[in-house]
C-alpha atoms as a PDB file:
ATOM      1  CA  UNK A   1       2.473  26.623 -23.911  1.00  0.00           C
ATOM      2  CA  UNK A   2       1.209  25.549 -20.518  1.00  0.00           C
ATOM      3  CA  UNK A   3      -1.260  22.582 -20.309  1.00  0.00           C
ATOM      4  CA  UNK A   4      -5.072  23.256 -19.969  1.00  0.00           C
ATOM      5  CA  UNK A   5      -6.834  20.174 -18.599  1.00  0.00           C
ATOM      6  CA  UNK A   6     -10.433  19.059 -18.876  1.00  0.00           C
ATOM      7  CA  UNK A   7     -11.778  16.448 -16.422  1.00  0.00           C
ATOM      8  CA  UNK A   8     -14.583  14.325 -17.603  1.00  0.00           C
ATOM      9  CA  UNK A   9     -16.879  12.183 -15.350  1.00  0.00           C
ATOM     10  CA  UNK A  10     -20.140  10.192 -16.363  1.00  0.00           C
ATOM     11  CA  UNK A  11     -22.579   9.694 -13.654  1.00  0.00           C
ATOM     12  CA  UNK A  12     -25.834   7.778 -12.681  1.00  0.00           C
ATOM     13  CA  UNK A  13     -27.183   8.198  -9.035  1.00  0.00           C
ATOM     14  CA  UNK A  14     -23.822   8.998  -7.554  1.00  0.00           C
ATOM     15  CA  UNK A  15     -24.945  11.266  -4.719  1.00  0.00           C
ATOM     16  CA  UNK A  16     -22.850   8.918  -2.294  1.00  0.00           C
ATOM     17  CA  UNK A  17     -19.592   9.481  -4.178  1.00  0.00           C
ATOM     18  CA  UNK A  18     -19.739  12.569  -6.411  1.00  0.00           C
ATOM     19  CA  UNK A  19     -18.857  15.398  -3.818  1.00  0.00           C
ATOM     20  CA  UNK A  20     -15.666  13.547  -2.926  1.00  0.00           C
ATOM     21  CA  UNK A  21     -14.534  13.020  -6.447  1.00  0.00           C
ATOM     22  CA  UNK A  22     -15.181  16.727  -7.523  1.00  0.00           C
ATOM     23  CA  UNK A  23     -13.502  18.025  -4.249  1.00  0.00           C
ATOM     24  CA  UNK A  24     -10.475  16.236  -5.163  1.00  0.00           C
ATOM     25  CA  UNK A  25      -9.903  17.705  -8.673  1.00  0.00           C
ATOM     26  CA  UNK A  26     -11.750  21.052  -8.579  1.00  0.00           C
ATOM     27  CA  UNK A  27      -8.676  23.101  -7.742  1.00  0.00           C
ATOM     28  CA  UNK A  28      -6.380  21.143 -10.321  1.00  0.00           C
ATOM     29  CA  UNK A  29      -8.212  21.058 -13.577  1.00  0.00           C
ATOM     30  CA  UNK A  30      -9.334  23.957 -15.770  1.00  0.00           C
ATOM     31  CA  UNK A  31     -12.946  22.640 -16.504  1.00  0.00           C
ATOM     32  CA  UNK A  32     -15.001  19.752 -15.554  1.00  0.00           C
ATOM     33  CA  UNK A  33     -17.492  17.932 -17.588  1.00  0.00           C
ATOM     34  CA  UNK A  34     -20.206  15.771 -15.930  1.00  0.00           C
ATOM     35  CA  UNK A  35     -22.528  13.835 -18.225  1.00  0.00           C
ATOM     36  CA  UNK A  36     -25.353  12.120 -16.295  1.00  0.00           C
ATOM     37  CA  UNK A  37     -27.530   9.416 -17.533  1.00  0.00           C
ATOM     38  CA  UNK A  38     -30.800  11.127 -15.977  1.00  0.00           C
ATOM     39  CA  UNK A  39     -30.129  10.280 -12.325  1.00  0.00           C
ATOM     40  CA  UNK A  40     -33.046  10.048  -9.946  1.00  0.00           C
ATOM     41  CA  UNK A  41     -31.131  11.130  -6.629  1.00  0.00           C
ATOM     42  CA  UNK A  42     -29.156  14.292  -5.862  1.00  0.00           C
ATOM     43  CA  UNK A  43     -26.358  13.682  -8.205  1.00  0.00           C
ATOM     44  CA  UNK A  44     -27.255  16.827 -10.267  1.00  0.00           C
ATOM     45  CA  UNK A  45     -27.660  19.014  -7.211  1.00  0.00           C
ATOM     46  CA  UNK A  46     -24.258  17.911  -5.805  1.00  0.00           C
ATOM     47  CA  UNK A  47     -22.620  18.403  -9.049  1.00  0.00           C
ATOM     48  CA  UNK A  48     -23.876  21.936  -9.495  1.00  0.00           C
ATOM     49  CA  UNK A  49     -22.247  22.785  -6.221  1.00  0.00           C
ATOM     50  CA  UNK A  50     -18.912  23.132  -8.129  1.00  0.00           C
ATOM     51  CA  UNK A  51     -18.074  25.119 -11.271  1.00  0.00           C
ATOM     52  CA  UNK A  52     -18.931  22.444 -13.841  1.00  0.00           C
ATOM     53  CA  UNK A  53     -20.558  21.875 -17.197  1.00  0.00           C
ATOM     54  CA  UNK A  54     -23.364  19.416 -16.744  1.00  0.00           C
ATOM     55  CA  UNK A  55     -24.920  17.511 -19.447  1.00  0.00           C
ATOM     56  CA  UNK A  56     -27.766  14.867 -19.427  1.00  0.00           C
ATOM     57  CA  UNK A  57     -27.329  12.047 -22.044  1.00  0.00           C
ATOM     58  CA  UNK A  58     -29.137   8.731 -22.402  1.00  0.00           C
ATOM     59  CA  UNK A  59     -26.803   5.901 -21.534  1.00  0.00           C
ATOM     60  CA  UNK A  60     -26.024   3.607 -24.553  1.00  0.00           C
ATOM     61  CA  UNK A  61     -22.734   2.178 -23.033  1.00  0.00           C
ATOM     62  CA  UNK A  62     -19.576   3.166 -21.055  1.00  0.00           C
ATOM     63  CA  UNK A  63     -17.532   3.940 -24.347  1.00  0.00           C
ATOM     64  CA  UNK A  64     -20.466   5.839 -26.104  1.00  0.00           C
ATOM     65  CA  UNK A  65     -20.968   7.907 -23.006  1.00  0.00           C
ATOM     66  CA  UNK A  66     -17.386   8.630 -22.292  1.00  0.00           C
ATOM     67  CA  UNK A  67     -16.922   9.664 -26.038  1.00  0.00           C
ATOM     68  CA  UNK A  68     -19.999  12.075 -25.632  1.00  0.00           C
ATOM     69  CA  UNK A  69     -18.333  13.495 -22.747  1.00  0.00           C
ATOM     70  CA  UNK A  70     -14.963  14.232 -24.398  1.00  0.00           C
ATOM     71  CA  UNK A  71     -16.775  15.795 -27.416  1.00  0.00           C
ATOM     72  CA  UNK A  72     -17.751  18.509 -25.162  1.00  0.00           C
ATOM     73  CA  UNK A  73     -14.373  19.273 -23.463  1.00  0.00           C
ATOM     74  CA  UNK A  74     -12.619  22.502 -24.508  1.00  0.00           C
ATOM     75  CA  UNK A  75      -9.078  21.056 -24.111  1.00  0.00           C
ATOM     76  CA  UNK A  76      -7.488  18.049 -25.796  1.00  0.00           C
ATOM     77  CA  UNK A  77      -5.752  17.097 -22.469  1.00  0.00           C
ATOM     78  CA  UNK A  78      -8.123  14.891 -20.539  1.00  0.00           C
ATOM     79  CA  UNK A  79      -8.155  13.504 -16.972  1.00  0.00           C
ATOM     80  CA  UNK A  80     -10.883  10.716 -16.755  1.00  0.00           C
ATOM     81  CA  UNK A  81     -12.294   9.679 -13.583  1.00  0.00           C
ATOM     82  CA  UNK A  82     -15.292   7.594 -12.358  1.00  0.00           C
ATOM     83  CA  UNK A  83     -17.628   9.123  -9.814  1.00  0.00           C
ATOM     84  CA  UNK A  84     -16.485   6.713  -7.242  1.00  0.00           C
ATOM     85  CA  UNK A  85     -12.886   7.780  -7.541  1.00  0.00           C
ATOM     86  CA  UNK A  86     -10.742  10.471  -6.223  1.00  0.00           C
ATOM     87  CA  UNK A  87      -7.179  11.578  -6.531  1.00  0.00           C
ATOM     88  CA  UNK A  88      -4.662  11.817  -3.578  1.00  0.00           C
ATOM     89  CA  UNK A  89      -2.419  14.671  -2.605  1.00  0.00           C
ATOM     90  CA  UNK A  90       0.608  13.219  -4.286  1.00  0.00           C
ATOM     91  CA  UNK A  91      -1.209  12.810  -7.554  1.00  0.00           C
ATOM     92  CA  UNK A  92      -2.669  16.234  -7.294  1.00  0.00           C
ATOM     93  CA  UNK A  93       0.883  17.544  -7.207  1.00  0.00           C
ATOM     94  CA  UNK A  94       2.067  15.507 -10.022  1.00  0.00           C
ATOM     95  CA  UNK A  95      -0.748  16.748 -12.281  1.00  0.00           C
ATOM     96  CA  UNK A  96       0.158  20.398 -11.206  1.00  0.00           C
ATOM     97  CA  UNK A  97       3.610  19.796 -12.646  1.00  0.00           C
ATOM     98  CA  UNK A  98       2.278  18.444 -15.937  1.00  0.00           C
ATOM     99  CA  UNK A  99       0.120  21.683 -16.282  1.00  0.00           C
ATOM    100  CA  UNK A 100       3.222  23.785 -15.644  1.00  0.00           C
ATOM    101  CA  UNK A 101       5.217  21.658 -18.279  1.00  0.00           C
ATOM    102  CA  UNK A 102       6.128  23.020 -21.874  1.00  0.00           C
ATOM    103  CA  UNK A 103       6.635  19.522 -23.172  1.00  0.00           C
ATOM    104  CA  UNK A 104       3.903  17.020 -21.670  1.00  0.00           C
ATOM    105  CA  UNK A 105       3.922  13.329 -22.518  1.00  0.00           C
ATOM    106  CA  UNK A 106       1.100  11.899 -24.729  1.00  0.00           C
ATOM    107  CA  UNK A 107      -0.467  10.088 -21.762  1.00  0.00           C
ATOM    108  CA  UNK A 108       0.116   9.253 -18.111  1.00  0.00           C
ATOM    109  CA  UNK A 109      -0.516   6.178 -16.150  1.00  0.00           C
ATOM    110  CA  UNK A 110      -0.880   5.883 -12.214  1.00  0.00           C
ATOM    111  CA  UNK A 111      -1.780   3.407  -9.642  1.00  0.00           C
ATOM    112  CA  UNK A 112      -5.369   2.870  -8.474  1.00  0.00           C
ATOM    113  CA  UNK A 113      -6.100   1.643  -5.140  1.00  0.00           C
ATOM    114  CA  UNK A 114      -9.420  -0.102  -4.543  1.00  0.00           C
ATOM    115  CA  UNK A 115     -11.442   0.295  -1.185  1.00  0.00           C
ATOM    116  CA  UNK A 116     -13.969  -2.566  -0.854  1.00  0.00           C
ATOM    117  CA  UNK A 117     -16.459  -2.015   2.118  1.00  0.00           C
ATOM    118  CA  UNK A 118     -14.072   0.217   4.000  1.00  0.00           C
ATOM    119  CA  UNK A 119     -11.229  -2.134   3.473  1.00  0.00           C
ATOM    120  CA  UNK A 120      -8.208  -1.420   1.171  1.00  0.00           C
ATOM    121  CA  UNK A 121      -7.421  -4.243  -1.094  1.00  0.00           C
ATOM    122  CA  UNK A 122      -3.880  -5.385  -1.566  1.00  0.00           C
ATOM    123  CA  UNK A 123      -3.987  -8.699  -3.344  1.00  0.00           C
ATOM    124  CA  UNK A 124      -6.081 -10.713  -5.923  1.00  0.00           C
ATOM    125  CA  UNK A 125      -7.702  -9.076  -8.979  1.00  0.00           C
ATOM    126  CA  UNK A 126      -8.288  -5.956  -7.146  1.00  0.00           C
ATOM    127  CA  UNK A 127      -4.881  -5.143  -6.018  1.00  0.00           C
ATOM    128  CA  UNK A 128      -3.584  -1.812  -6.916  1.00  0.00           C
ATOM    129  CA  UNK A 129      -3.274  -1.531 -10.660  1.00  0.00           C
ATOM    130  CA  UNK A 130      -2.037   0.748 -13.328  1.00  0.00           C
ATOM    131  CA  UNK A 131      -4.639   3.009 -15.137  1.00  0.00           C
ATOM    132  CA  UNK A 132      -4.276   5.275 -18.053  1.00  0.00           C
ATOM    133  CA  UNK A 133      -6.218   8.367 -16.877  1.00  0.00           C
ATOM    134  CA  UNK A 134      -4.665  11.343 -18.308  1.00  0.00           C
ATOM    135  CA  UNK A 135      -4.011  11.852 -21.963  1.00  0.00           C
ATOM    136  CA  UNK A 136      -4.005  13.834 -24.967  1.00  0.00           C
ATOM    137  CA  UNK A 137      -7.223  12.875 -26.645  1.00  0.00           C
ATOM    138  CA  UNK A 138      -5.645  13.672 -30.106  1.00  0.00           C
ATOM    139  CA  UNK A 139      -3.510  10.896 -29.719  1.00  0.00           C
ATOM    140  CA  UNK A 140      -5.998   7.943 -29.320  1.00  0.00           C
ATOM    141  CA  UNK A 141      -9.697   6.805 -28.871  1.00  0.00           C
ATOM    142  CA  UNK A 142     -12.008   5.001 -26.373  1.00  0.00           C
ATOM    143  CA  UNK A 143     -12.010   1.253 -26.853  1.00  0.00           C
ATOM    144  CA  UNK A 144     -12.276  -1.910 -25.273  1.00  0.00           C
ATOM    145  CA  UNK A 145     -15.383  -3.858 -24.726  1.00  0.00           C
ATOM    146  CA  UNK A 146     -18.306  -2.585 -22.457  1.00  0.00           C
ATOM    147  CA  UNK A 147     -18.408  -2.472 -19.526  1.00  0.00           C
ATOM    148  CA  UNK A 148     -14.567  -2.425 -19.394  1.00  0.00           C
ATOM    149  CA  UNK A 149     -13.843   0.541 -21.647  1.00  0.00           C
ATOM    150  CA  UNK A 150     -10.107   1.858 -21.922  1.00  0.00           C
ATOM    151  CA  UNK A 151      -8.429   4.749 -23.800  1.00  0.00           C
ATOM    152  CA  UNK A 152      -6.110   3.291 -26.388  1.00  0.00           C
ATOM    153  CA  UNK A 153      -3.174   5.406 -27.375  1.00  0.00           C
ATOM    154  CA  UNK A 154      -1.805   5.525 -30.950  1.00  0.00           C
ATOM    155  CA  UNK A 155       1.253   3.371 -31.521  1.00  0.00           C
ATOM    156  CA  UNK A 156       4.480   5.317 -30.454  1.00  0.00           C
ATOM    157  CA  UNK A 157       2.897   7.547 -28.056  1.00  0.00           C
ATOM    158  CA  UNK A 158       4.938   8.684 -25.189  1.00  0.00           C
ATOM    159  CA  UNK A 159       3.383   7.440 -21.887  1.00  0.00           C
ATOM    160  CA  UNK A 160       4.934   8.154 -18.455  1.00  0.00           C
ATOM    161  CA  UNK A 161       4.144   7.017 -14.960  1.00  0.00           C
ATOM    162  CA  UNK A 162       2.980   9.483 -12.228  1.00  0.00           C
ATOM    163  CA  UNK A 163       3.339   9.007  -8.505  1.00  0.00           C
ATOM    164  CA  UNK A 164       0.473   9.058  -6.085  1.00  0.00           C
ATOM    165  CA  UNK A 165      -2.931   7.130  -6.430  1.00  0.00           C
ATOM    166  CA  UNK A 166      -6.363   7.144  -7.695  1.00  0.00           C
ATOM    167  CA  UNK A 167      -8.454   6.318  -4.808  1.00  0.00           C
ATOM    168  CA  UNK A 168     -11.297   3.894  -5.903  1.00  0.00           C
ATOM    169  CA  UNK A 169     -14.165   3.690  -3.414  1.00  0.00           C
ATOM    170  CA  UNK A 170     -15.986   0.678  -5.075  1.00  0.00           C
ATOM    171  CA  UNK A 171     -18.654  -0.805  -3.020  1.00  0.00           C
ATOM    172  CA  UNK A 172     -19.995  -0.004   0.437  1.00  0.00           C
ATOM    173  CA  UNK A 173     -21.849  -3.344   0.876  1.00  0.00           C
ATOM    174  CA  UNK A 174     -21.687  -6.911  -0.431  1.00  0.00           C
ATOM    175  CA  UNK A 175     -25.313  -6.491  -1.534  1.00  0.00           C
ATOM    176  CA  UNK A 176     -24.260  -3.460  -3.664  1.00  0.00           C
ATOM    177  CA  UNK A 177     -21.732  -5.661  -5.369  1.00  0.00           C
ATOM    178  CA  UNK A 178     -24.083  -8.433  -5.971  1.00  0.00           C
ATOM    179  CA  UNK A 179     -26.344  -5.936  -7.789  1.00  0.00           C
ATOM    180  CA  UNK A 180     -23.511  -4.858  -9.969  1.00  0.00           C
ATOM    181  CA  UNK A 181     -22.420  -8.378 -10.806  1.00  0.00           C
ATOM    182  CA  UNK A 182     -25.914  -8.977 -12.426  1.00  0.00           C
ATOM    183  CA  UNK A 183     -25.740  -5.467 -13.955  1.00  0.00           C
ATOM    184  CA  UNK A 184     -22.201  -5.783 -15.435  1.00  0.00           C
ATOM    185  CA  UNK A 185     -22.476  -9.413 -16.524  1.00  0.00           C
ATOM    186  CA  UNK A 186     -25.638  -8.321 -18.748  1.00  0.00           C
ATOM    187  CA  UNK A 187     -23.697  -5.531 -20.400  1.00  0.00           C
ATOM    188  CA  UNK A 188     -20.760  -7.754 -21.207  1.00  0.00           C
ATOM    189  CA  UNK A 189     -22.873 -10.402 -22.476  1.00  0.00           C
ATOM    190  CA  UNK A 190     -24.657  -7.963 -24.918  1.00  0.00           C
ATOM    191  CA  UNK A 191     -21.297  -6.509 -25.835  1.00  0.00           C
ATOM    192  CA  UNK A 192     -19.789 -10.292 -26.485  1.00  0.00           C
ATOM    193  CA  UNK A 193     -22.949 -10.888 -28.587  1.00  0.00           C
ATOM    194  CA  UNK A 194     -22.716  -7.741 -30.825  1.00  0.00           C
ATOM    195  CA  UNK A 195     -18.648  -8.516 -31.346  1.00  0.00           C
ATOM    196  CA  UNK A 196     -19.698 -12.284 -32.506  1.00  0.00           C
ATOM    197  CA  UNK A 197     -18.100 -13.805 -29.453  1.00  0.00           C
ATOM    198  CA  UNK A 198     -19.515 -17.090 -28.618  1.00  0.00           C
ATOM    199  CA  UNK A 199     -20.185 -19.091 -25.321  1.00  0.00           C
ATOM    200  CA  UNK A 200     -20.031 -22.718 -24.565  1.00  0.00           C
ATOM    201  CA  UNK A 201     -20.784 -25.050 -21.750  1.00  0.00           C
ATOM    202  CA  UNK A 202     -16.962 -25.283 -21.354  1.00  0.00           C
ATOM    203  CA  UNK A 203     -16.592 -21.670 -20.844  1.00  0.00           C
ATOM    204  CA  UNK A 204     -19.617 -21.590 -18.500  1.00  0.00           C
ATOM    205  CA  UNK A 205     -18.261 -24.471 -16.336  1.00  0.00           C
ATOM    206  CA  UNK A 206     -14.380 -23.830 -16.482  1.00  0.00           C
ATOM    207  CA  UNK A 207     -13.820 -20.035 -16.763  1.00  0.00           C
ATOM    208  CA  UNK A 208     -15.382 -19.063 -13.379  1.00  0.00           C
ATOM    209  CA  UNK A 209     -13.233 -21.785 -11.713  1.00  0.00           C
ATOM    210  CA  UNK A 210     -10.001 -20.667 -13.411  1.00  0.00           C
ATOM    211  CA  UNK A 211     -10.939 -16.977 -12.597  1.00  0.00           C
ATOM    212  CA  UNK A 212     -11.561 -17.842  -8.779  1.00  0.00           C
ATOM    213  CA  UNK A 213      -8.341 -20.040  -8.360  1.00  0.00           C
ATOM    214  CA  UNK A 214      -6.207 -17.296 -10.159  1.00  0.00           C
ATOM    215  CA  UNK A 215      -7.609 -14.576  -8.044  1.00  0.00           C
ATOM    216  CA  UNK A 216      -7.836 -16.076  -4.730  1.00  0.00           C
ATOM    217  CA  UNK A 217      -4.895 -18.491  -4.786  1.00  0.00           C
ATOM    218  CA  UNK A 218      -2.380 -17.572  -7.475  1.00  0.00           C
ATOM    219  CA  UNK A 219      -2.827 -13.561  -6.979  1.00  0.00           C
ATOM    220  CA  UNK A 220      -2.908 -14.111  -3.104  1.00  0.00           C
ATOM    221  CA  UNK A 221      -6.421 -12.821  -2.619  1.00  0.00           C
ATOM    222  CA  UNK A 222      -6.671 -15.054   0.443  1.00  0.00           C
ATOM    223  CA  UNK A 223      -4.426 -12.470   2.299  1.00  0.00           C
ATOM    224  CA  UNK A 224      -7.128  -9.945   2.234  1.00  0.00           C
ATOM    225  CA  UNK A 225      -9.230 -12.065   4.421  1.00  0.00           C
ATOM    226  CA  UNK A 226     -13.043 -12.348   4.215  1.00  0.00           C
ATOM    227  CA  UNK A 227     -13.278  -9.710   1.555  1.00  0.00           C
ATOM    228  CA  UNK A 228     -10.668 -11.281  -0.538  1.00  0.00           C
ATOM    229  CA  UNK A 229     -12.857 -14.320  -0.624  1.00  0.00           C
ATOM    230  CA  UNK A 230     -15.926 -12.469  -1.524  1.00  0.00           C
ATOM    231  CA  UNK A 231     -14.330 -10.582  -4.081  1.00  0.00           C
ATOM    232  CA  UNK A 232     -12.992 -13.773  -5.819  1.00  0.00           C
ATOM    233  CA  UNK A 233     -16.230 -15.382  -5.630  1.00  0.00           C
ATOM    234  CA  UNK A 234     -18.416 -12.633  -6.906  1.00  0.00           C
ATOM    235  CA  UNK A 235     -15.921 -11.886  -9.658  1.00  0.00           C
ATOM    236  CA  UNK A 236     -16.123 -15.630 -10.616  1.00  0.00           C
ATOM    237  CA  UNK A 237     -19.973 -15.421 -10.478  1.00  0.00           C
ATOM    238  CA  UNK A 238     -19.851 -12.414 -12.900  1.00  0.00           C
ATOM    239  CA  UNK A 239     -17.811 -14.458 -15.321  1.00  0.00           C
ATOM    240  CA  UNK A 240     -20.203 -17.440 -15.136  1.00  0.00           C
ATOM    241  CA  UNK A 241     -23.325 -15.181 -15.597  1.00  0.00           C
ATOM    242  CA  UNK A 242     -21.524 -13.483 -18.526  1.00  0.00           C
ATOM    243  CA  UNK A 243     -21.327 -16.679 -20.451  1.00  0.00           C
ATOM    244  CA  UNK A 244     -24.410 -18.013 -19.306  1.00  0.00           C
ATOM    245  CA  UNK A 245     -26.481 -15.071 -20.546  1.00  0.00           C
ATOM    246  CA  UNK A 246     -24.422 -14.822 -23.806  1.00  0.00           C
ATOM    247  CA  UNK A 247     -25.607 -18.446 -24.594  1.00  0.00           C
ATOM    248  CA  UNK A 248     -29.027 -17.309 -23.613  1.00  0.00           C
ATOM    249  CA  UNK A 249     -28.927 -14.414 -26.021  1.00  0.00           C
ATOM    250  CA  UNK A 250     -27.781 -16.759 -28.821  1.00  0.00           C
ATOM    251  CA  UNK A 251     -30.655 -19.174 -28.136  1.00  0.00           C
ATOM    252  CA  UNK A 252     -33.086 -16.213 -28.383  1.00  0.00           C
ATOM    253  CA  UNK A 253     -31.511 -15.105 -31.754  1.00  0.00           C
ATOM    254  CA  UNK A 254     -31.840 -18.606 -33.114  1.00  0.00           C
ATOM    255  CA  UNK A 255     -35.347 -18.657 -32.358  1.00  0.00           C
ATOM    256  CA  UNK A 256     -35.859 -15.135 -33.770  1.00  0.00           C
ATOM    257  CA  UNK A 257     -34.509 -16.453 -37.137  1.00  0.00           C
ATOM    258  CA  UNK A 258     -37.082 -19.163 -37.660  1.00  0.00           C
ATOM    259  CA  UNK A 259     -40.603 -18.875 -38.653  1.00  0.00           C
ATOM    260  CA  UNK A 260     -43.619 -21.077 -37.657  1.00  0.00           C
ATOM    261  CA  UNK A 261     -45.045 -22.596 -40.840  1.00  0.00           C
ATOM    262  CA  UNK A 262     -48.192 -24.722 -41.408  1.00  0.00           C
ATOM    263  CA  UNK A 263     -49.077 -26.561 -44.490  1.00  0.00           C
ATOM    264  CA  UNK A 264     -51.935 -29.304 -45.355  1.00  0.00           C
ATOM    265  CA  UNK A 265     -51.428 -32.614 -46.991  1.00  0.00           C
ATOM    266  CA  UNK A 266     -54.166 -35.055 -47.875  1.00  0.00           C
ATOM    267  CA  UNK A 267     -56.577 -32.994 -45.627  1.00  0.00           C
ATOM    268  CA  UNK A 268     -54.229 -33.111 -42.443  1.00  0.00           C
ATOM    269  CA  UNK A 269     -52.674 -30.011 -41.043  1.00  0.00           C
ATOM    270  CA  UNK A 270     -49.012 -30.054 -40.215  1.00  0.00           C
ATOM    271  CA  UNK A 271     -47.148 -27.485 -38.095  1.00  0.00           C
ATOM    272  CA  UNK A 272     -43.392 -26.927 -37.785  1.00  0.00           C
ATOM    273  CA  UNK A 273     -40.396 -24.543 -37.555  1.00  0.00           C
ATOM    274  CA  UNK A 274     -38.596 -23.572 -40.838  1.00  0.00           C
ATOM    275  CA  UNK A 275     -35.312 -21.841 -40.737  1.00  0.00           C
ATOM    276  CA  UNK A 276     -35.330 -18.493 -42.708  1.00  0.00           C
END
C-alpha cells in the first residue's frame, strides 16, 4: 500500500513566511493541516490560497498545539514543519520516493539549515542539525519541554536518514530575535516550573557563560562572523532569562502560599506572615 502523507503546520502571524512553506510542499503531500492561533495579519488569507484544512485554536503551548493539529490529520504519516521552514528539491524527491514505497520506515530524519538575517549559519549552536520531521504518528508521541517540542518515537522504531534539507528562515532582523528571546525564555521558565525544575544563583550566573563559550568558541560560532557572535550572545541571554524568570516564579509562588494574619495581645495589634 502506498504512503499517504499529511503535513501539519502551526501558525501565528506568519504572513512573511507561510507562502514559501506551503509552496514547497503543496505538490508533495496529500493534505495540509494549518492550525492558527488567531493571527491578526494575513496568515489566514495566504493559507487559503492553497488547498488546505484550516483550523483556529487557542495556543496553550507548542506541544499542545501540534497534538491538536495531528488529531485532525487524515493519514498516520506526518510531515511536520514550522511556518518559517521549507523543503529543498532534494528532500522533496526523497519524500516522493517514500510515498511510492510499500515498506516505509517508522520515521525519517533530515538536516535543517538555518538562515539568520539573510546569512546561512554553518557553525555554533545553529549549525545544520538533524531533525525528525517525517514519521508514523502511530509509533510515537509529541514530547519534550515547551518551547522545545519534539516527536518521540517508540523504542525499537526504524528511523532512516533522508538526503536534502529543511531550510529554516529564522529571523530577518536582530530586533526580531531579541523579542523572541523574551518570549521563549518566558515559555521555558513556566514549563520548568510545572515540571518542578529549580533555579539558583549559580545557574543564573554560570549557565549563560557556559552556553556562550560552548557555542561561540568550542562549536566555532566565531567562524560565522558578526552573526555568529550575536546568535551566541542572544542564546546565552535566553538561558539567563529562563533561570531568572524561573526564580521569580518560585518567589511569587512562595508569596501566594502565605497568608497575612493579625492578632492582638494585651491591647496591642500585631501583623505578620504565616505559612499555610
